Amino acid sequence: MNMHIRDLDEPTHRELVRRADAAGMSLRSYVVEVLHRHAALPTLEEWLDEVRGDPPLPSDGPDSVTLVEEGRRDIDVA
């Protein structure tokens, strides 16, 4: 399938060309790869549905501040 992109602003085009060059790719190959990666991501609704399906975290456990402090202590000990 072919696609033509019209009315792409010059700064965006320059950045895509720069990134393609940095990756050692043609602009076409780079844009196809970016579109493949983007299409593989879940939509916001799909992601929210997945998150909503996760069980809630227990409320009787330690809070986030305590967990971070414990994690820092573990790093200092190691």
C-alpha atoms as a PDB file:
ATOM      1  CA  MET A   1       0.000   0.000   0.000  1.00  0.00           C
ATOM      2  CA  ASN A   2       1.244   3.481  -0.808  1.00  0.00           C
ATOM      3  CA  MET A   3       0.531   6.682   1.034  1.00  0.00           C
ATOM      4  CA  HIS A   4       1.337  10.268   0.228  1.00  0.00           C
ATOM      5  CA  ILE A   5       1.575  12.804   3.030  1.00  0.00           C
ATOM      6  CA  ARG A   6       0.618  16.335   2.107  1.00  0.00           C
ATOM      7  CA  ASP A   7       0.940  19.560   4.057  1.00  0.00           C
ATOM      8  CA  LEU A   8       3.629  18.246   6.404  1.00  0.00           C
ATOM      9  CA  ASP A   9       5.267  21.284   7.961  1.00  0.00           C
ATOM     10  CA  GLU A  10       8.943  21.845   7.244  1.00  0.00           C
ATOM     11  CA  PRO A  11      10.212  21.525  10.860  1.00  0.00           C
ATOM     12  CA  THR A  12       8.560  18.101  11.192  1.00  0.00           C
ATOM     13  CA  HIS A  13       9.984  16.986   7.853  1.00  0.00           C
ATOM     14  CA  ARG A  14      13.484  18.143   8.828  1.00  0.00           C
ATOM     15  CA  GLU A  15      13.272  16.283  12.150  1.00  0.00           C
ATOM     16  CA  LEU A  16      12.116  13.079  10.464  1.00  0.00           C
ATOM     17  CA  VAL A  17      14.974  13.354   7.972  1.00  0.00           C
ATOM     18  CA  ARG A  18      17.441  13.972  10.833  1.00  0.00           C
ATOM     19  CA  ARG A  19      16.188  10.941  12.763  1.00  0.00           C
ATOM     20  CA  ALA A  20      16.224   8.741   9.669  1.00  0.00           C
ATOM     21  CA  ASP A  21      19.806   9.777   8.946  1.00  0.00           C
ATOM     22  CA  ALA A  22      20.816   9.119  12.561  1.00  0.00           C
ATOM     23  CA  ALA A  23      19.293   5.630  12.306  1.00  0.00           C
ATOM     24  CA  GLY A  24      21.055   4.997   8.989  1.00  0.00           C
ATOM     25  CA  MET A  25      17.711   4.634   7.215  1.00  0.00           C
ATOM     26  CA  SER A  26      15.929   6.223   4.328  1.00  0.00           C
ATOM     27  CA  LEU A  27      13.154   8.625   5.240  1.00  0.00           C
ATOM     28  CA  ARG A  28      10.602   6.211   3.800  1.00  0.00           C
ATOM     29  CA  SER A  29      11.903   3.243   5.812  1.00  0.00           C
ATOM     30  CA  TYR A  30      12.082   5.314   8.979  1.00  0.00           C
ATOM     31  CA  VAL A  31       8.505   6.587   8.646  1.00  0.00           C
ATOM     32  CA  VAL A  32       7.226   3.059   7.907  1.00  0.00           C
ATOM     33  CA  GLU A  33       8.992   1.792  11.055  1.00  0.00           C
ATOM     34  CA  VAL A  34       7.536   4.611  13.174  1.00  0.00           C
ATOM     35  CA  LEU A  35       4.046   3.843  11.874  1.00  0.00           C
ATOM     36  CA  HIS A  36       4.491   0.103  12.572  1.00  0.00           C
ATOM     37  CA  ARG A  37       5.543   0.823  16.162  1.00  0.00           C
ATOM     38  CA  HIS A  38       2.683   3.247  16.676  1.00  0.00           C
ATOM     39  CA  ALA A  39       0.089   0.863  15.246  1.00  0.00           C
ATOM     40  CA  ALA A  40       1.293  -1.872  17.633  1.00  0.00           C
ATOM     41  CA  LEU A  41       0.522   0.257  20.702  1.00  0.00           C
ATOM     42  CA  PRO A  42      -2.854  -0.087  22.385  1.00  0.00           C
ATOM     43  CA  THR A  43      -5.271   2.799  22.067  1.00  0.00           C
ATOM     44  CA  LEU A  44      -5.939   4.838  25.176  1.00  0.00           C
ATOM     45  CA  GLU A  45      -9.298   3.092  25.596  1.00  0.00           C
ATOM     46  CA  GLU A  46      -7.701  -0.360  25.228  1.00  0.00           C
ATOM     47  CA  TRP A  47      -5.056   0.530  27.806  1.00  0.00           C
ATOM     48  CA  LEU A  48      -7.635   1.937  30.225  1.00  0.00           C
ATOM     49  CA  ASP A  49      -9.777  -1.198  29.860  1.00  0.00           C
ATOM     50  CA  GLU A  50      -6.742  -3.319  30.712  1.00  0.00           C
ATOM     51  CA  VAL A  51      -5.836  -1.181  33.722  1.00  0.00           C
ATOM     52  CA  ARG A  52      -9.421  -1.150  34.957  1.00  0.00           C
ATOM     53  CA  GLY A  53      -9.399  -4.955  34.842  1.00  0.00           C
ATOM     54  CA  ASP A  54      -6.411  -5.200  37.178  1.00  0.00           C
ATOM     55  CA  PRO A  55      -7.227  -6.022  40.781  1.00  0.00           C
ATOM     56  CA  PRO A  56      -7.005  -3.054  43.157  1.00  0.00           C
ATOM     57  CA  LEU A  57      -3.926  -2.716  45.297  1.00  0.00           C
ATOM     58  CA  PRO A  58      -4.399  -3.628  48.943  1.00  0.00           C
ATOM     59  CA  SER A  59      -4.992  -0.554  51.080  1.00  0.00           C
ATOM     60  CA  ASP A  60      -3.456  -2.095  54.193  1.00  0.00           C
ATOM     61  CA  GLY A  61       0.066  -2.269  52.751  1.00  0.00           C
ATOM     62  CA  PRO A  62       2.851   0.313  53.047  1.00  0.00           C
ATOM     63  CA  ASP A  63       2.428   3.657  51.298  1.00  0.00           C
ATOM     64  CA  SER A  64       4.606   4.744  48.387  1.00  0.00           C
ATOM     65  CA  VAL A  65       6.900   6.908  50.542  1.00  0.00           C
ATOM     66  CA  THR A  66       7.692   3.924  52.767  1.00  0.00           C
ATOM     67  CA  LEU A  67       8.349   1.697  49.744  1.00  0.00           C
ATOM     68  CA  VAL A  68      10.742   4.251  48.229  1.00  0.00           C
ATOM     69  CA  GLU A  69      12.587   4.637  51.541  1.00  0.00           C
ATOM     70  CA  GLU A  70      12.909   0.861  51.860  1.00  0.00           C
ATOM     71  CA  GLY A  71      14.169   0.619  48.289  1.00  0.00           C
ATOM     72  CA  ARG A  72      16.791   3.271  48.941  1.00  0.00           C
ATOM     73  CA  ARG A  73      17.953   1.459  52.074  1.00  0.00           C
ATOM     74  CA  ASP A  74      18.259  -1.767  50.059  1.00  0.00           C
ATOM     75  CA  ILE A  75      20.456   0.011  47.513  1.00  0.00           C
ATOM     76  CA  ASP A  76      22.667   1.553  50.217  1.00  0.00           C
ATOM     77  CA  VAL A  77      23.197  -1.872  51.808  1.00  0.00           C
ATOM     78  CA  ALA A  78      24.136  -3.596  48.552  1.00  0.00           C
END
